[in-house]
Amino acid sequence: MALSKEQSTGTDQQAVLDAQLQLWHYTVGYVKSMALKAALDLSIPDAIHQHGGSATLPQIVTKVTLHPSKIPCLRRLMRVLTLTGVFSVHDGGDEPVYGLTPASRLLIGSGIMNLTPFLTLMLGTVFVSSFLDLGEWFRQKMPGPSPFDMANGRDIWDLCNHDARFGKLFDDGMVADSGFIMDIVVKECSNVFQGD
């Protein structure tokens, strides 16, 4: 049953506002993912790492490639990335100082545990586009093409074989993800790999 204007009065007002807020969170939630993608594209974690693990915006700008007119936009991007916990921020007097967090330490290109290739794959257009018409996918009879197949005209393996750039992106992403997990599994569950 839908809410009528008469029902959304008094104490119901807060419930309606909370419901709207919840819908807004879902609706604009992709902004967090795309902010992370931008940070990866610009190599912001590496820029902060190259400054010893913390850097001001002017210091970050010296290590990334962006048009000077976009520096104020970079400040807003960093705000999203600090609010979501990708980076930390503290008052540095004249300029905020951005730091690496456990999450952003996993995004350093030279790091042993570097998840950037996997996240780049998952946040790229090829994978993201697979979810844009999910409602249409549900209207199709089973078995049918997967959402990935519908969006890209072929399955993932066929796309890897026909698009060398995507194939490399996919291979690098899988290597990063499996290497990350296997390193932890071997360290935490080494007894499983020991013979009797």
N, C-alpha and C. Protein backbone atom coordinates (compact mmCIF):
# COMPACT_ATOMS: atom_id res chain seq x y z
N MET A 1 0.85 -1.17 0.00
CA MET A 1 0.00 0.00 0.00
C MET A 1 0.90 1.24 0.00
N ALA A 2 0.65 2.15 -0.91
CA ALA A 2 1.42 3.39 -1.01
C ALA A 2 0.99 4.36 0.08
N LEU A 3 1.92 5.22 0.46
CA LEU A 3 1.61 6.24 1.45
C LEU A 3 0.84 7.38 0.80
N SER A 4 -0.19 7.83 1.46
CA SER A 4 -0.90 9.01 0.99
C SER A 4 -0.37 10.22 1.76
N LYS A 5 -0.67 11.41 1.29
CA LYS A 5 -0.22 12.63 1.99
C LYS A 5 -0.76 12.68 3.41
N GLU A 6 -1.99 12.19 3.58
CA GLU A 6 -2.60 12.24 4.92
C GLU A 6 -1.86 11.30 5.88
N GLN A 7 -1.34 10.20 5.37
CA GLN A 7 -0.65 9.25 6.24
C GLN A 7 0.75 9.73 6.62
N SER A 8 1.32 10.63 5.85
CA SER A 8 2.70 11.05 6.11
C SER A 8 2.74 12.30 6.99
N THR A 9 2.05 12.24 8.11
CA THR A 9 2.05 13.36 9.05
C THR A 9 2.56 12.90 10.40
N GLY A 10 2.94 13.86 11.21
CA GLY A 10 3.35 13.55 12.58
C GLY A 10 4.56 12.64 12.62
N THR A 11 4.45 11.57 13.42
CA THR A 11 5.57 10.65 13.58
C THR A 11 5.87 9.88 12.31
N ASP A 12 4.89 9.76 11.42
CA ASP A 12 5.13 9.09 10.14
C ASP A 12 6.08 9.90 9.27
N GLN A 13 6.17 11.22 9.49
CA GLN A 13 7.05 12.07 8.69
C GLN A 13 8.49 11.57 8.76
N GLN A 14 8.94 11.24 9.97
CA GLN A 14 10.33 10.78 10.13
C GLN A 14 10.53 9.46 9.40
N ALA A 15 9.57 8.56 9.47
CA ALA A 15 9.69 7.28 8.77
C ALA A 15 9.76 7.49 7.26
N VAL A 16 8.98 8.42 6.74
CA VAL A 16 8.98 8.72 5.31
C VAL A 16 10.32 9.33 4.91
N LEU A 17 10.83 10.25 5.72
CA LEU A 17 12.13 10.85 5.42
C LEU A 17 13.25 9.82 5.49
N ASP A 18 13.18 8.90 6.47
CA ASP A 18 14.17 7.83 6.56
C ASP A 18 14.11 6.92 5.34
N ALA A 19 12.89 6.65 4.87
CA ALA A 19 12.73 5.81 3.67
C ALA A 19 13.31 6.51 2.45
N GLN A 20 13.06 7.81 2.33
CA GLN A 20 13.62 8.56 1.20
C GLN A 20 15.15 8.55 1.27
N LEU A 21 15.70 8.74 2.46
CA LEU A 21 17.14 8.73 2.64
C LEU A 21 17.73 7.38 2.21
N GLN A 22 17.07 6.32 2.62
CA GLN A 22 17.52 4.99 2.24
C GLN A 22 17.55 4.84 0.71
N LEU A 23 16.51 5.30 0.04
CA LEU A 23 16.46 5.23 -1.42
C LEU A 23 17.54 6.09 -2.06
N TRP A 24 17.80 7.26 -1.48
CA TRP A 24 18.87 8.12 -2.00
C TRP A 24 20.23 7.43 -1.86
N HIS A 25 20.45 6.76 -0.73
CA HIS A 25 21.72 6.04 -0.54
C HIS A 25 21.92 5.00 -1.64
N TYR A 26 20.87 4.25 -1.94
CA TYR A 26 20.97 3.26 -3.01
C TYR A 26 21.14 3.92 -4.37
N THR A 27 20.42 4.99 -4.60
CA THR A 27 20.42 5.65 -5.91
C THR A 27 21.78 6.25 -6.24
N VAL A 28 22.42 6.89 -5.31
CA VAL A 28 23.70 7.54 -5.60
C VAL A 28 24.89 6.75 -5.05
N GLY A 29 24.64 5.52 -4.61
CA GLY A 29 25.72 4.69 -4.08
C GLY A 29 26.84 4.44 -5.08
N TYR A 30 26.51 4.44 -6.37
CA TYR A 30 27.52 4.20 -7.39
C TYR A 30 28.60 5.29 -7.40
N VAL A 31 28.29 6.46 -6.85
CA VAL A 31 29.27 7.55 -6.82
C VAL A 31 30.51 7.11 -6.03
N LYS A 32 30.31 6.35 -4.97
CA LYS A 32 31.45 5.86 -4.18
C LYS A 32 32.34 4.96 -5.04
N SER A 33 31.71 4.05 -5.79
CA SER A 33 32.47 3.16 -6.66
C SER A 33 33.21 3.93 -7.74
N MET A 34 32.55 4.90 -8.33
CA MET A 34 33.18 5.67 -9.40
C MET A 34 34.28 6.60 -8.86
N ALA A 35 34.13 7.05 -7.62
CA ALA A 35 35.20 7.84 -6.99
C ALA A 35 36.43 6.95 -6.78
N LEU A 36 36.20 5.71 -6.35
CA LEU A 36 37.30 4.77 -6.19
C LEU A 36 37.96 4.51 -7.55
N LYS A 37 37.16 4.32 -8.58
CA LYS A 37 37.70 4.11 -9.93
C LYS A 37 38.56 5.30 -10.36
N ALA A 38 38.09 6.50 -10.10
CA ALA A 38 38.87 7.70 -10.45
C ALA A 38 40.19 7.72 -9.70
N ALA A 39 40.17 7.35 -8.43
CA ALA A 39 41.41 7.31 -7.64
C ALA A 39 42.40 6.31 -8.24
N LEU A 40 41.88 5.18 -8.71
CA LEU A 40 42.75 4.18 -9.34
C LEU A 40 43.27 4.71 -10.67
N ASP A 41 42.38 5.30 -11.48
CA ASP A 41 42.78 5.83 -12.78
C ASP A 41 43.85 6.91 -12.64
N LEU A 42 43.74 7.72 -11.60
CA LEU A 42 44.70 8.81 -11.38
C LEU A 42 45.93 8.37 -10.58
N SER A 43 45.92 7.14 -10.07
CA SER A 43 47.02 6.60 -9.23
C SER A 43 47.23 7.41 -7.97
N ILE A 44 46.13 7.83 -7.35
CA ILE A 44 46.22 8.63 -6.12
C ILE A 44 46.86 7.84 -4.97
N PRO A 45 46.54 6.55 -4.78
CA PRO A 45 47.23 5.82 -3.71
C PRO A 45 48.75 5.83 -3.88
N ASP A 46 49.21 5.65 -5.13
CA ASP A 46 50.65 5.69 -5.38
C ASP A 46 51.23 7.08 -5.11
N ALA A 47 50.49 8.12 -5.46
CA ALA A 47 50.96 9.49 -5.23
C ALA A 47 51.15 9.75 -3.73
N ILE A 48 50.20 9.31 -2.93
CA ILE A 48 50.31 9.49 -1.48
C ILE A 48 51.46 8.63 -0.94
N HIS A 49 51.57 7.41 -1.43
CA HIS A 49 52.65 6.51 -1.00
C HIS A 49 54.02 7.11 -1.31
N GLN A 50 54.15 7.73 -2.49
CA GLN A 50 55.43 8.33 -2.89
C GLN A 50 55.82 9.52 -2.01
N HIS A 51 54.86 10.06 -1.28
CA HIS A 51 55.15 11.14 -0.34
C HIS A 51 55.26 10.59 1.08
N GLY A 52 55.52 9.32 1.23
CA GLY A 52 55.74 8.73 2.54
C GLY A 52 54.48 8.27 3.24
N GLY A 53 53.36 8.18 2.55
CA GLY A 53 52.13 7.68 3.15
C GLY A 53 51.14 8.76 3.56
N SER A 54 51.54 10.02 3.43
CA SER A 54 50.60 11.12 3.67
C SER A 54 51.02 12.29 2.79
N ALA A 55 50.00 13.01 2.29
CA ALA A 55 50.30 14.10 1.36
C ALA A 55 49.17 15.11 1.34
N THR A 56 49.53 16.35 1.10
CA THR A 56 48.53 17.41 0.88
C THR A 56 48.07 17.33 -0.57
N LEU A 57 47.01 18.03 -0.88
CA LEU A 57 46.51 18.05 -2.25
C LEU A 57 47.58 18.57 -3.24
N PRO A 58 48.27 19.68 -2.93
CA PRO A 58 49.33 20.13 -3.85
C PRO A 58 50.42 19.08 -4.06
N GLN A 59 50.71 18.30 -3.03
CA GLN A 59 51.71 17.24 -3.19
C GLN A 59 51.17 16.11 -4.08
N ILE A 60 49.91 15.76 -3.89
CA ILE A 60 49.29 14.73 -4.73
C ILE A 60 49.30 15.17 -6.19
N VAL A 61 48.97 16.43 -6.42
CA VAL A 61 48.90 16.97 -7.78
C VAL A 61 50.25 16.85 -8.49
N THR A 62 51.35 16.89 -7.76
CA THR A 62 52.68 16.77 -8.40
C THR A 62 52.93 15.37 -8.94
N LYS A 63 52.15 14.39 -8.50
CA LYS A 63 52.39 12.99 -8.88
C LYS A 63 51.30 12.41 -9.78
N VAL A 64 50.23 13.14 -10.02
CA VAL A 64 49.14 12.63 -10.87
C VAL A 64 48.99 13.53 -12.10
N THR A 65 48.37 12.98 -13.12
CA THR A 65 48.14 13.75 -14.33
C THR A 65 46.69 14.20 -14.37
N LEU A 66 46.48 15.50 -14.26
CA LEU A 66 45.14 16.06 -14.39
C LEU A 66 45.27 17.50 -14.85
N HIS A 67 44.23 17.99 -15.45
CA HIS A 67 44.23 19.39 -15.91
C HIS A 67 44.18 20.30 -14.69
N PRO A 68 44.98 21.38 -14.66
CA PRO A 68 44.99 22.28 -13.51
C PRO A 68 43.60 22.81 -13.12
N SER A 69 42.72 22.96 -14.09
CA SER A 69 41.38 23.46 -13.78
C SER A 69 40.57 22.47 -12.94
N LYS A 70 41.04 21.22 -12.86
CA LYS A 70 40.30 20.18 -12.12
C LYS A 70 40.77 20.02 -10.67
N ILE A 71 41.73 20.83 -10.24
CA ILE A 71 42.23 20.70 -8.87
C ILE A 71 41.11 20.88 -7.84
N PRO A 72 40.22 21.87 -7.97
CA PRO A 72 39.11 21.95 -7.01
C PRO A 72 38.21 20.70 -7.03
N CYS A 73 38.07 20.11 -8.19
CA CYS A 73 37.28 18.87 -8.29
C CYS A 73 37.99 17.71 -7.59
N LEU A 74 39.31 17.71 -7.67
CA LEU A 74 40.09 16.67 -6.98
C LEU A 74 39.87 16.77 -5.47
N ARG A 75 39.77 17.98 -4.97
CA ARG A 75 39.50 18.17 -3.54
C ARG A 75 38.16 17.52 -3.16
N ARG A 76 37.14 17.68 -4.03
CA ARG A 76 35.84 17.07 -3.77
C ARG A 76 35.91 15.55 -3.88
N LEU A 77 36.69 15.06 -4.85
CA LEU A 77 36.88 13.61 -4.98
C LEU A 77 37.52 13.05 -3.71
N MET A 78 38.52 13.74 -3.20
CA MET A 78 39.19 13.28 -1.98
C MET A 78 38.24 13.31 -0.79
N ARG A 79 37.31 14.24 -0.79
CA ARG A 79 36.32 14.28 0.29
C ARG A 79 35.47 13.01 0.29
N VAL A 80 35.02 12.59 -0.90
CA VAL A 80 34.24 11.34 -1.00
C VAL A 80 35.10 10.16 -0.55
N LEU A 81 36.34 10.13 -0.99
CA LEU A 81 37.22 9.00 -0.68
C LEU A 81 37.63 8.96 0.79
N THR A 82 37.64 10.09 1.48
CA THR A 82 37.93 10.07 2.92
C THR A 82 36.67 9.71 3.71
N LEU A 83 35.52 10.20 3.26
CA LEU A 83 34.27 9.86 3.95
C LEU A 83 33.96 8.37 3.86
N THR A 84 34.39 7.73 2.78
CA THR A 84 34.14 6.30 2.62
C THR A 84 35.26 5.45 3.21
N GLY A 85 36.31 6.08 3.72
CA GLY A 85 37.38 5.33 4.39
C GLY A 85 38.49 4.84 3.48
N VAL A 86 38.47 5.21 2.22
CA VAL A 86 39.55 4.79 1.33
C VAL A 86 40.85 5.48 1.74
N PHE A 87 40.75 6.76 2.07
CA PHE A 87 41.90 7.51 2.59
C PHE A 87 41.51 8.13 3.92
N SER A 88 42.51 8.51 4.69
CA SER A 88 42.26 9.26 5.93
C SER A 88 42.56 10.73 5.63
N VAL A 89 42.12 11.59 6.53
CA VAL A 89 42.42 13.01 6.39
C VAL A 89 42.56 13.60 7.78
N HIS A 90 43.51 14.49 7.93
CA HIS A 90 43.61 15.25 9.17
C HIS A 90 44.07 16.67 8.83
N ASP A 91 43.85 17.55 9.76
CA ASP A 91 44.15 18.97 9.57
C ASP A 91 45.66 19.15 9.56
N GLY A 92 46.14 19.74 8.48
CA GLY A 92 47.57 20.00 8.39
C GLY A 92 47.90 21.47 8.45
N GLY A 93 46.99 22.26 9.02
CA GLY A 93 47.20 23.71 9.08
C GLY A 93 46.61 24.37 7.86
N ASP A 94 47.45 24.68 6.89
CA ASP A 94 46.97 25.35 5.67
C ASP A 94 46.21 24.40 4.75
N GLU A 95 46.59 23.16 4.74
CA GLU A 95 46.01 22.17 3.82
C GLU A 95 45.68 20.89 4.58
N PRO A 96 44.57 20.23 4.23
CA PRO A 96 44.32 18.90 4.79
C PRO A 96 45.42 17.94 4.33
N VAL A 97 45.74 16.99 5.19
CA VAL A 97 46.75 15.98 4.86
C VAL A 97 46.02 14.65 4.70
N TYR A 98 46.17 14.05 3.53
CA TYR A 98 45.52 12.78 3.22
C TYR A 98 46.51 11.64 3.47
N GLY A 99 45.99 10.58 4.06
CA GLY A 99 46.85 9.45 4.37
C GLY A 99 46.28 8.15 3.85
N LEU A 100 47.15 7.15 3.81
CA LEU A 100 46.73 5.82 3.40
C LEU A 100 46.03 5.12 4.56
N THR A 101 45.05 4.33 4.24
CA THR A 101 44.34 3.50 5.22
C THR A 101 44.66 2.05 4.86
N PRO A 102 44.23 1.09 5.70
CA PRO A 102 44.44 -0.30 5.29
C PRO A 102 43.86 -0.61 3.90
N ALA A 103 42.72 0.01 3.57
CA ALA A 103 42.13 -0.23 2.25
C ALA A 103 43.00 0.35 1.14
N SER A 104 43.44 1.59 1.27
CA SER A 104 44.23 2.20 0.20
C SER A 104 45.65 1.63 0.11
N ARG A 105 46.14 1.01 1.18
CA ARG A 105 47.44 0.34 1.10
C ARG A 105 47.38 -0.86 0.14
N LEU A 106 46.18 -1.40 -0.05
CA LEU A 106 46.00 -2.51 -1.00
C LEU A 106 45.92 -2.02 -2.44
N LEU A 107 46.05 -0.72 -2.65
CA LEU A 107 45.94 -0.14 -3.99
C LEU A 107 47.26 0.44 -4.50
N ILE A 108 48.33 0.21 -3.77
CA ILE A 108 49.64 0.73 -4.15
C ILE A 108 50.25 -0.20 -5.20
N GLY A 109 50.61 0.38 -6.33
CA GLY A 109 51.10 -0.41 -7.46
C GLY A 109 52.30 -1.27 -7.14
N SER A 110 53.19 -0.79 -6.30
CA SER A 110 54.39 -1.54 -5.97
C SER A 110 54.19 -2.45 -4.76
N GLY A 111 52.98 -2.46 -4.21
CA GLY A 111 52.72 -3.25 -3.02
C GLY A 111 52.66 -4.74 -3.30
N ILE A 112 53.01 -5.52 -2.29
CA ILE A 112 52.97 -6.98 -2.41
C ILE A 112 51.53 -7.44 -2.60
N MET A 113 50.62 -6.85 -1.87
CA MET A 113 49.21 -7.18 -1.96
C MET A 113 48.49 -6.04 -2.70
N ASN A 114 48.52 -6.06 -4.01
CA ASN A 114 47.96 -4.98 -4.82
C ASN A 114 46.68 -5.47 -5.49
N LEU A 115 45.55 -4.92 -5.07
CA LEU A 115 44.27 -5.30 -5.65
C LEU A 115 43.81 -4.37 -6.78
N THR A 116 44.63 -3.40 -7.15
CA THR A 116 44.25 -2.44 -8.19
C THR A 116 43.83 -3.12 -9.50
N PRO A 117 44.55 -4.12 -10.00
CA PRO A 117 44.11 -4.73 -11.26
C PRO A 117 42.72 -5.37 -11.17
N PHE A 118 42.39 -5.99 -10.06
CA PHE A 118 41.07 -6.60 -9.90
C PHE A 118 39.99 -5.53 -9.82
N LEU A 119 40.22 -4.49 -9.03
CA LEU A 119 39.23 -3.43 -8.90
C LEU A 119 39.06 -2.66 -10.20
N THR A 120 40.14 -2.47 -10.94
CA THR A 120 40.05 -1.81 -12.24
C THR A 120 39.18 -2.62 -13.19
N LEU A 121 39.32 -3.92 -13.16
CA LEU A 121 38.49 -4.81 -13.98
C LEU A 121 37.02 -4.69 -13.57
N MET A 122 36.75 -4.81 -12.29
CA MET A 122 35.37 -4.81 -11.80
C MET A 122 34.67 -3.46 -11.93
N LEU A 123 35.43 -2.37 -11.88
CA LEU A 123 34.85 -1.03 -11.97
C LEU A 123 34.86 -0.48 -13.39
N GLY A 124 35.38 -1.27 -14.32
CA GLY A 124 35.44 -0.83 -15.71
C GLY A 124 34.09 -0.93 -16.40
N THR A 125 33.99 -0.26 -17.52
CA THR A 125 32.74 -0.19 -18.28
C THR A 125 32.19 -1.56 -18.64
N VAL A 126 33.06 -2.49 -19.01
CA VAL A 126 32.60 -3.81 -19.46
C VAL A 126 31.79 -4.50 -18.37
N PHE A 127 32.29 -4.51 -17.13
CA PHE A 127 31.55 -5.18 -16.06
C PHE A 127 30.39 -4.33 -15.55
N VAL A 128 30.61 -3.05 -15.38
CA VAL A 128 29.55 -2.19 -14.85
C VAL A 128 28.35 -2.17 -15.78
N SER A 129 28.59 -2.15 -17.07
CA SER A 129 27.49 -2.12 -18.03
C SER A 129 26.61 -3.36 -17.94
N SER A 130 27.15 -4.45 -17.42
CA SER A 130 26.38 -5.69 -17.27
C SER A 130 25.21 -5.53 -16.31
N PHE A 131 25.27 -4.54 -15.45
CA PHE A 131 24.23 -4.36 -14.44
C PHE A 131 23.24 -3.25 -14.79
N LEU A 132 23.49 -2.53 -15.87
CA LEU A 132 22.64 -1.39 -16.19
C LEU A 132 21.26 -1.80 -16.69
N ASP A 133 21.15 -2.97 -17.30
CA ASP A 133 19.86 -3.44 -17.81
C ASP A 133 19.44 -4.74 -17.12
N LEU A 134 19.70 -4.84 -15.84
CA LEU A 134 19.36 -6.05 -15.10
C LEU A 134 17.86 -6.31 -15.12
N GLY A 135 17.05 -5.26 -15.08
CA GLY A 135 15.59 -5.43 -15.16
C GLY A 135 15.18 -6.11 -16.45
N GLU A 136 15.80 -5.73 -17.55
CA GLU A 136 15.51 -6.37 -18.85
C GLU A 136 15.94 -7.83 -18.84
N TRP A 137 17.06 -8.13 -18.22
CA TRP A 137 17.53 -9.52 -18.12
C TRP A 137 16.48 -10.40 -17.43
N PHE A 138 15.86 -9.86 -16.38
CA PHE A 138 14.83 -10.62 -15.66
C PHE A 138 13.60 -10.88 -16.52
N ARG A 139 13.39 -10.10 -17.54
CA ARG A 139 12.22 -10.30 -18.42
C ARG A 139 12.47 -11.40 -19.45
N GLN A 140 13.71 -11.81 -19.62
CA GLN A 140 14.07 -12.81 -20.63
C GLN A 140 13.89 -14.22 -20.08
N LYS A 141 13.52 -15.13 -20.96
CA LYS A 141 13.32 -16.54 -20.60
C LYS A 141 14.66 -17.21 -20.29
N MET A 142 14.63 -18.14 -19.34
CA MET A 142 15.80 -18.94 -18.99
C MET A 142 15.80 -20.18 -19.86
N PRO A 143 16.88 -20.78 -20.26
CA PRO A 143 18.19 -20.15 -20.13
C PRO A 143 18.35 -19.09 -21.21
N GLY A 144 19.05 -18.15 -20.90
CA GLY A 144 19.27 -17.06 -21.84
C GLY A 144 20.64 -16.49 -21.60
N PRO A 145 20.94 -15.45 -22.29
CA PRO A 145 22.26 -14.85 -22.06
C PRO A 145 22.35 -14.26 -20.65
N SER A 146 23.55 -14.30 -20.11
CA SER A 146 23.79 -13.68 -18.80
C SER A 146 23.73 -12.17 -18.97
N PRO A 147 23.63 -11.44 -17.87
CA PRO A 147 23.68 -9.97 -17.99
C PRO A 147 24.95 -9.50 -18.70
N PHE A 148 26.06 -10.17 -18.46
CA PHE A 148 27.32 -9.83 -19.13
C PHE A 148 27.18 -10.02 -20.64
N ASP A 149 26.64 -11.18 -21.04
CA ASP A 149 26.46 -11.48 -22.46
C ASP A 149 25.53 -10.46 -23.12
N MET A 150 24.44 -10.12 -22.44
CA MET A 150 23.49 -9.15 -23.00
C MET A 150 24.16 -7.80 -23.23
N ALA A 151 24.95 -7.36 -22.28
CA ALA A 151 25.57 -6.03 -22.38
C ALA A 151 26.71 -5.98 -23.38
N ASN A 152 27.43 -7.11 -23.53
CA ASN A 152 28.65 -7.09 -24.33
C ASN A 152 28.57 -7.91 -25.61
N GLY A 153 27.45 -8.59 -25.83
CA GLY A 153 27.27 -9.35 -27.06
C GLY A 153 28.01 -10.67 -27.12
N ARG A 154 28.67 -11.05 -26.05
CA ARG A 154 29.39 -12.33 -25.99
C ARG A 154 29.75 -12.62 -24.54
N ASP A 155 30.11 -13.87 -24.25
CA ASP A 155 30.46 -14.20 -22.87
C ASP A 155 31.87 -13.71 -22.56
N ILE A 156 32.22 -13.80 -21.31
CA ILE A 156 33.48 -13.22 -20.85
C ILE A 156 34.69 -13.85 -21.53
N TRP A 157 34.65 -15.19 -21.73
CA TRP A 157 35.79 -15.88 -22.32
C TRP A 157 35.95 -15.50 -23.79
N ASP A 158 34.84 -15.39 -24.49
CA ASP A 158 34.88 -15.00 -25.89
C ASP A 158 35.39 -13.56 -26.02
N LEU A 159 34.96 -12.69 -25.12
CA LEU A 159 35.44 -11.31 -25.15
C LEU A 159 36.94 -11.26 -24.89
N CYS A 160 37.43 -12.07 -23.94
CA CYS A 160 38.87 -12.12 -23.67
C CYS A 160 39.65 -12.55 -24.91
N ASN A 161 39.10 -13.52 -25.65
CA ASN A 161 39.77 -14.02 -26.85
C ASN A 161 39.74 -13.03 -28.01
N HIS A 162 38.72 -12.19 -28.07
CA HIS A 162 38.57 -11.27 -29.19
C HIS A 162 39.05 -9.84 -28.91
N ASP A 163 39.30 -9.52 -27.68
CA ASP A 163 39.74 -8.18 -27.31
C ASP A 163 40.97 -8.31 -26.42
N ALA A 164 42.15 -8.16 -27.03
CA ALA A 164 43.40 -8.38 -26.31
C ALA A 164 43.53 -7.46 -25.09
N ARG A 165 43.07 -6.23 -25.23
CA ARG A 165 43.17 -5.28 -24.10
C ARG A 165 42.32 -5.76 -22.92
N PHE A 166 41.07 -6.16 -23.21
CA PHE A 166 40.22 -6.68 -22.14
C PHE A 166 40.79 -7.99 -21.61
N GLY A 167 41.32 -8.84 -22.49
CA GLY A 167 41.90 -10.11 -22.04
C GLY A 167 43.02 -9.89 -21.04
N LYS A 168 43.87 -8.92 -21.32
CA LYS A 168 44.97 -8.61 -20.38
C LYS A 168 44.42 -8.05 -19.08
N LEU A 169 43.45 -7.15 -19.18
CA LEU A 169 42.83 -6.58 -17.98
C LEU A 169 42.22 -7.70 -17.13
N PHE A 170 41.53 -8.63 -17.78
CA PHE A 170 40.92 -9.76 -17.08
C PHE A 170 41.99 -10.64 -16.43
N ASP A 171 43.02 -11.01 -17.19
CA ASP A 171 44.10 -11.84 -16.64
C ASP A 171 44.78 -11.17 -15.45
N ASP A 172 45.11 -9.89 -15.58
CA ASP A 172 45.77 -9.15 -14.49
C ASP A 172 44.86 -9.09 -13.26
N GLY A 173 43.56 -8.88 -13.48
CA GLY A 173 42.62 -8.83 -12.37
C GLY A 173 42.52 -10.15 -11.64
N MET A 174 42.45 -11.24 -12.39
CA MET A 174 42.34 -12.57 -11.77
C MET A 174 43.62 -12.94 -11.03
N VAL A 175 44.77 -12.60 -11.60
CA VAL A 175 46.04 -12.87 -10.93
C VAL A 175 46.12 -12.10 -9.61
N ALA A 176 45.73 -10.84 -9.63
CA ALA A 176 45.78 -10.02 -8.41
C ALA A 176 44.85 -10.58 -7.34
N ASP A 177 43.63 -10.94 -7.73
CA ASP A 177 42.66 -11.44 -6.76
C ASP A 177 43.08 -12.79 -6.20
N SER A 178 43.44 -13.72 -7.06
CA SER A 178 43.81 -15.05 -6.57
C SER A 178 45.12 -15.01 -5.79
N GLY A 179 46.07 -14.16 -6.23
CA GLY A 179 47.32 -14.03 -5.48
C GLY A 179 47.09 -13.48 -4.08
N PHE A 180 46.21 -12.52 -3.97
CA PHE A 180 45.88 -11.92 -2.67
C PHE A 180 45.27 -12.98 -1.74
N ILE A 181 44.26 -13.69 -2.25
CA ILE A 181 43.57 -14.69 -1.42
C ILE A 181 44.50 -15.85 -1.08
N MET A 182 45.24 -16.35 -2.07
CA MET A 182 46.11 -17.51 -1.82
C MET A 182 47.20 -17.19 -0.82
N ASP A 183 47.72 -15.99 -0.84
CA ASP A 183 48.75 -15.60 0.13
C ASP A 183 48.20 -15.72 1.55
N ILE A 184 46.98 -15.26 1.74
CA ILE A 184 46.35 -15.33 3.06
C ILE A 184 46.03 -16.78 3.43
N VAL A 185 45.50 -17.54 2.48
CA VAL A 185 45.15 -18.95 2.74
C VAL A 185 46.38 -19.73 3.14
N VAL A 186 47.47 -19.55 2.41
CA VAL A 186 48.70 -20.30 2.72
C VAL A 186 49.24 -19.91 4.09
N LYS A 187 49.18 -18.63 4.43
CA LYS A 187 49.69 -18.19 5.73
C LYS A 187 48.78 -18.63 6.88
N GLU A 188 47.47 -18.53 6.68
CA GLU A 188 46.52 -18.81 7.76
C GLU A 188 46.15 -20.29 7.88
N CYS A 189 46.26 -21.02 6.81
CA CYS A 189 45.83 -22.42 6.80
C CYS A 189 46.95 -23.33 6.32
N SER A 190 48.19 -23.01 6.68
CA SER A 190 49.33 -23.78 6.16
C SER A 190 49.26 -25.24 6.55
N ASN A 191 48.62 -25.56 7.68
CA ASN A 191 48.52 -26.95 8.10
C ASN A 191 47.76 -27.82 7.10
N VAL A 192 46.85 -27.23 6.34
CA VAL A 192 46.08 -27.97 5.34
C VAL A 192 47.01 -28.46 4.22
N PHE A 193 48.09 -27.73 3.95
CA PHE A 193 48.98 -28.05 2.85
C PHE A 193 50.14 -28.94 3.27
N GLN A 194 50.20 -29.30 4.55
CA GLN A 194 51.28 -30.14 5.03
C GLN A 194 50.87 -31.61 4.93
N GLY A 195 51.78 -32.43 4.43
CA GLY A 195 51.48 -33.85 4.30
C GLY A 195 51.71 -34.58 5.63
N ASP A 196 51.14 -35.76 5.73
CA ASP A 196 51.35 -36.57 6.96
C ASP A 196 52.53 -37.47 6.84
